Amino acid sequence: MKKQGIIPAFVILIVLLPVTVFALVSWYEARYERLPVLSKQGTVVGNFSFWDQQGSTVTREGWKNRIVVANYFFTHCPVVCPKMTAQLKRVQAAHNSVQICSFSVDPERDSVKRLAAYASQFGIQGNWSLLTGDKRELYRFARKELQLVATDGDGGPGDFIHSDNMVLIDRQQRIRGYYKGTDATDMDRLIKDIQKLEKE
């Protein structure tokens, strides 16, 4: 009789122990593990000067002491960009103090007026800037500062980049993570990683 009681207890222990350890490790990582600094040699993101959907000039100075989520998009994008916008709205709902900056890869069509219409269409407001400006500078910023794409280019007429990655930038303006903007699971990770930065 005693042996019969020992076997189920042993089976329960074998099953529960790994599950419990996994849960504790996951909880610890989610709560306490620091995010890596991904900027080259820990450098800060360089300066920029673009216009937002209200016609105001936006520079890196506005990121001072703020957590930032940055991405590239264009208003005429039919499928991917609306999905990224929907995911960014989730991020904003979870962390309304975070600054979101969406840079256009098609500034020739994405005028301030067009960005304002896009913001109205998708209910973009608060700490969310849609940015346009000089194409060469927008592309240089994507490649050299945010390190969003590995391809070379000069931002000329034939150059076009489009990435669905989001970039997480800390209060010291260092890159701390990249996330696939169309993947809800990866965006859940972004939301959790913002919580980590808020505790630093």
Foldseek 3Di string as FASTA:
>chain_A
DVVVVVVVVVVCCVVPVVVVVVVVVVVCCLAPNAFDFPPVVNDFFDWDWWAFLVRDIDICVVLAQAKEKEFEDALVDDPLVVLLLVLVVVLCVLPVRHAYEYEYLCQVPDDSPNNNVSCVVSVPDHRYTYTHDQQQRSVCSCCPGQVQDDDDDRSDPPDTDHAQKMWIAANNRTTRDIFRSNDNVRSVVVSSNVVVRVVD
